[in-house]
Amino acid sequence: MTVHRVVPILTVPDVGIAREYAAVLGLQVVMDHGWIVTLADADHRNQLSLMTKDQTAQRNPDVSVEVDDVEAAYRAAIGAGLEIVHPLTDEDWGVRRFLFADSAGNVVNVLTHR
């Protein structure tokens, strides 16, 4: 399995706050679903997401990790005994993902684009 990107996610009361980050950091909006906005630099190497409430999961993730084989990551998470807080799901916005919580309570969104 290969990790393609890692994006921190901040929980905010309103994704409109993304304008503040864009103004200070010079980032552009590359995704806006209304409940999550992702900002990135020109080559998309550096990204930051801001989320109000995850649309389908019960808990907001702290970080998002895009991998080339989400099924392998899911099996590894189960094998490691991690708490799955959102099952492996094909989401309407074009990703296949699951969320797990680590032993410190951090929630990780693991995904691949379909």
C-alpha atoms as a PDB file:
ATOM      1  CA  MET A   1       0.000   0.000   0.000  1.00  0.00           C
ATOM      2  CA  THR A   2       1.220   3.488  -0.868  1.00  0.00           C
ATOM      3  CA  VAL A   3       0.225   6.762   0.809  1.00  0.00           C
ATOM      4  CA  HIS A   4      -0.484   9.455  -1.777  1.00  0.00           C
ATOM      5  CA  ARG A   5      -1.195  12.407   0.523  1.00  0.00           C
ATOM      6  CA  VAL A   6      -1.886  13.385   4.107  1.00  0.00           C
ATOM      7  CA  VAL A   7      -4.187  16.333   4.851  1.00  0.00           C
ATOM      8  CA  PRO A   8      -4.840  17.760   8.315  1.00  0.00           C
ATOM      9  CA  ILE A   9      -8.492  18.549   9.072  1.00  0.00           C
ATOM     10  CA  LEU A  10      -9.606  21.300  11.428  1.00  0.00           C
ATOM     11  CA  THR A  11     -13.126  21.267  12.861  1.00  0.00           C
ATOM     12  CA  VAL A  12     -14.695  24.726  12.544  1.00  0.00           C
ATOM     13  CA  PRO A  13     -18.168  26.160  13.178  1.00  0.00           C
ATOM     14  CA  ASP A  14     -18.426  27.515   9.605  1.00  0.00           C
ATOM     15  CA  VAL A  15     -16.347  26.549   6.562  1.00  0.00           C
ATOM     16  CA  GLY A  16     -16.425  30.217   5.527  1.00  0.00           C
ATOM     17  CA  ILE A  17     -13.460  30.606   7.855  1.00  0.00           C
ATOM     18  CA  ALA A  18     -11.446  29.077   4.992  1.00  0.00           C
ATOM     19  CA  ARG A  19     -11.208  32.611   3.558  1.00  0.00           C
ATOM     20  CA  GLU A  20      -9.057  33.589   6.541  1.00  0.00           C
ATOM     21  CA  TYR A  21      -6.643  30.717   5.936  1.00  0.00           C
ATOM     22  CA  ALA A  22      -6.544  31.432   2.214  1.00  0.00           C
ATOM     23  CA  ALA A  23      -5.754  35.115   2.826  1.00  0.00           C
ATOM     24  CA  VAL A  24      -2.957  34.415   5.300  1.00  0.00           C
ATOM     25  CA  LEU A  25      -1.408  31.345   3.665  1.00  0.00           C
ATOM     26  CA  GLY A  26      -2.010  32.111  -0.013  1.00  0.00           C
ATOM     27  CA  LEU A  27      -3.921  28.869  -0.546  1.00  0.00           C
ATOM     28  CA  GLN A  28      -6.810  28.343  -2.969  1.00  0.00           C
ATOM     29  CA  VAL A  29     -10.059  26.444  -2.508  1.00  0.00           C
ATOM     30  CA  VAL A  30      -9.733  23.152  -4.417  1.00  0.00           C
ATOM     31  CA  MET A  31     -12.821  21.429  -2.966  1.00  0.00           C
ATOM     32  CA  ASP A  32     -15.968  22.803  -1.331  1.00  0.00           C
ATOM     33  CA  HIS A  33     -18.818  20.484  -0.372  1.00  0.00           C
ATOM     34  CA  GLY A  34     -20.450  23.005   1.963  1.00  0.00           C
ATOM     35  CA  TRP A  35     -19.540  21.003   5.068  1.00  0.00           C
ATOM     36  CA  ILE A  36     -15.850  20.565   4.162  1.00  0.00           C
ATOM     37  CA  VAL A  37     -13.493  22.865   2.282  1.00  0.00           C
ATOM     38  CA  THR A  38      -9.992  21.895   1.191  1.00  0.00           C
ATOM     39  CA  LEU A  39      -7.351  24.523   0.475  1.00  0.00           C
ATOM     40  CA  ALA A  40      -4.145  23.881  -1.448  1.00  0.00           C
ATOM     41  CA  ASP A  41      -1.112  25.597  -2.883  1.00  0.00           C
ATOM     42  CA  ALA A  42      -0.592  25.869  -6.648  1.00  0.00           C
ATOM     43  CA  ASP A  43       0.785  22.347  -7.130  1.00  0.00           C
ATOM     44  CA  HIS A  44      -1.582  20.771  -4.536  1.00  0.00           C
ATOM     45  CA  ARG A  45       1.381  19.476  -2.522  1.00  0.00           C
ATOM     46  CA  ASN A  46       0.318  21.264   0.640  1.00  0.00           C
ATOM     47  CA  GLN A  47      -3.311  20.996   1.677  1.00  0.00           C
ATOM     48  CA  LEU A  48      -5.524  21.845   4.637  1.00  0.00           C
ATOM     49  CA  SER A  49      -9.184  20.935   5.157  1.00  0.00           C
ATOM     50  CA  LEU A  50     -11.751  22.700   7.332  1.00  0.00           C
ATOM     51  CA  MET A  51     -14.888  20.775   8.322  1.00  0.00           C
ATOM     52  CA  THR A  52     -18.055  21.554  10.242  1.00  0.00           C
ATOM     53  CA  LYS A  53     -19.621  18.077  10.618  1.00  0.00           C
ATOM     54  CA  ASP A  54     -18.734  15.001   8.597  1.00  0.00           C
ATOM     55  CA  GLN A  55     -21.642  14.264   6.294  1.00  0.00           C
ATOM     56  CA  THR A  56     -21.845  10.505   6.932  1.00  0.00           C
ATOM     57  CA  ALA A  57     -19.537   9.649   9.848  1.00  0.00           C
ATOM     58  CA  GLN A  58     -20.472  10.073  13.500  1.00  0.00           C
ATOM     59  CA  ARG A  59     -17.120  11.661  14.382  1.00  0.00           C
ATOM     60  CA  ASN A  60     -15.029  14.233  12.561  1.00  0.00           C
ATOM     61  CA  PRO A  61     -11.606  13.056  11.448  1.00  0.00           C
ATOM     62  CA  ASP A  62      -8.447  14.875  12.509  1.00  0.00           C
ATOM     63  CA  VAL A  63      -6.496  13.886   9.420  1.00  0.00           C
ATOM     64  CA  SER A  64      -7.197  12.408   6.014  1.00  0.00           C
ATOM     65  CA  VAL A  65      -4.838   9.913   4.380  1.00  0.00           C
ATOM     66  CA  GLU A  66      -5.250   8.995   0.719  1.00  0.00           C
ATOM     67  CA  VAL A  67      -3.914   5.538  -0.139  1.00  0.00           C
ATOM     68  CA  ASP A  68      -3.780   3.424  -3.278  1.00  0.00           C
ATOM     69  CA  ASP A  69      -5.436   0.397  -1.607  1.00  0.00           C
ATOM     70  CA  VAL A  70      -8.077   1.341   0.936  1.00  0.00           C
ATOM     71  CA  GLU A  71      -9.200  -2.286   1.319  1.00  0.00           C
ATOM     72  CA  ALA A  72      -5.694  -3.309   2.428  1.00  0.00           C
ATOM     73  CA  ALA A  73      -5.603  -0.398   4.883  1.00  0.00           C
ATOM     74  CA  TYR A  74      -9.008  -1.429   6.241  1.00  0.00           C
ATOM     75  CA  ARG A  75      -7.848  -5.024   6.779  1.00  0.00           C
ATOM     76  CA  ALA A  76      -4.681  -3.724   8.480  1.00  0.00           C
ATOM     77  CA  ALA A  77      -6.712  -1.486  10.809  1.00  0.00           C
ATOM     78  CA  ILE A  78      -8.958  -4.388  11.795  1.00  0.00           C
ATOM     79  CA  GLY A  79      -5.937  -6.659  12.205  1.00  0.00           C
ATOM     80  CA  ALA A  80      -4.332  -4.089  14.497  1.00  0.00           C
ATOM     81  CA  GLY A  81      -7.454  -4.068  16.669  1.00  0.00           C
ATOM     82  CA  LEU A  82      -8.204  -0.401  15.996  1.00  0.00           C
ATOM     83  CA  GLU A  83     -11.650   1.018  16.617  1.00  0.00           C
ATOM     84  CA  ILE A  84     -13.463   1.459  13.290  1.00  0.00           C
ATOM     85  CA  VAL A  85     -15.644   4.546  13.751  1.00  0.00           C
ATOM     86  CA  HIS A  86     -17.001   4.549  10.171  1.00  0.00           C
ATOM     87  CA  PRO A  87     -17.079   1.367   8.070  1.00  0.00           C
ATOM     88  CA  LEU A  88     -15.580   1.003   4.609  1.00  0.00           C
ATOM     89  CA  THR A  89     -18.057   2.965   2.489  1.00  0.00           C
ATOM     90  CA  ASP A  90     -18.441   4.243  -1.066  1.00  0.00           C
ATOM     91  CA  GLU A  91     -19.379   7.888  -0.530  1.00  0.00           C
ATOM     92  CA  ASP A  92     -21.504   9.995  -2.886  1.00  0.00           C
ATOM     93  CA  TRP A  93     -18.646  12.468  -3.406  1.00  0.00           C
ATOM     94  CA  GLY A  94     -16.447   9.921  -5.191  1.00  0.00           C
ATOM     95  CA  VAL A  95     -14.301   8.331  -2.520  1.00  0.00           C
ATOM     96  CA  ARG A  96     -14.184   4.927  -0.830  1.00  0.00           C
ATOM     97  CA  ARG A  97     -13.199   5.388   2.797  1.00  0.00           C
ATOM     98  CA  PHE A  98     -13.267   4.306   6.407  1.00  0.00           C
ATOM     99  CA  LEU A  99     -12.401   6.051   9.658  1.00  0.00           C
ATOM    100  CA  PHE A 100     -10.527   4.593  12.609  1.00  0.00           C
ATOM    101  CA  ALA A 101      -9.667   5.943  16.043  1.00  0.00           C
ATOM    102  CA  ASP A 102      -6.195   5.398  17.467  1.00  0.00           C
ATOM    103  CA  SER A 103      -5.528   4.627  21.122  1.00  0.00           C
ATOM    104  CA  ALA A 104      -5.181   8.365  21.863  1.00  0.00           C
ATOM    105  CA  GLY A 105      -8.615   9.106  20.389  1.00  0.00           C
ATOM    106  CA  ASN A 106      -7.432  10.696  17.133  1.00  0.00           C
ATOM    107  CA  VAL A 107      -9.720   9.907  14.205  1.00  0.00           C
ATOM    108  CA  VAL A 108      -8.153   9.113  10.830  1.00  0.00           C
ATOM    109  CA  ASN A 109     -10.027   9.193   7.521  1.00  0.00           C
ATOM    110  CA  VAL A 110      -8.439   6.675   5.105  1.00  0.00           C
ATOM    111  CA  LEU A 111      -9.598   6.945   1.509  1.00  0.00           C
ATOM    112  CA  THR A 112      -9.046   6.305  -2.145  1.00  0.00           C
ATOM    113  CA  HIS A 113     -10.718   8.142  -5.014  1.00  0.00           C
ATOM    114  CA  ARG A 114     -13.024   6.004  -7.137  1.00  0.00           C
END
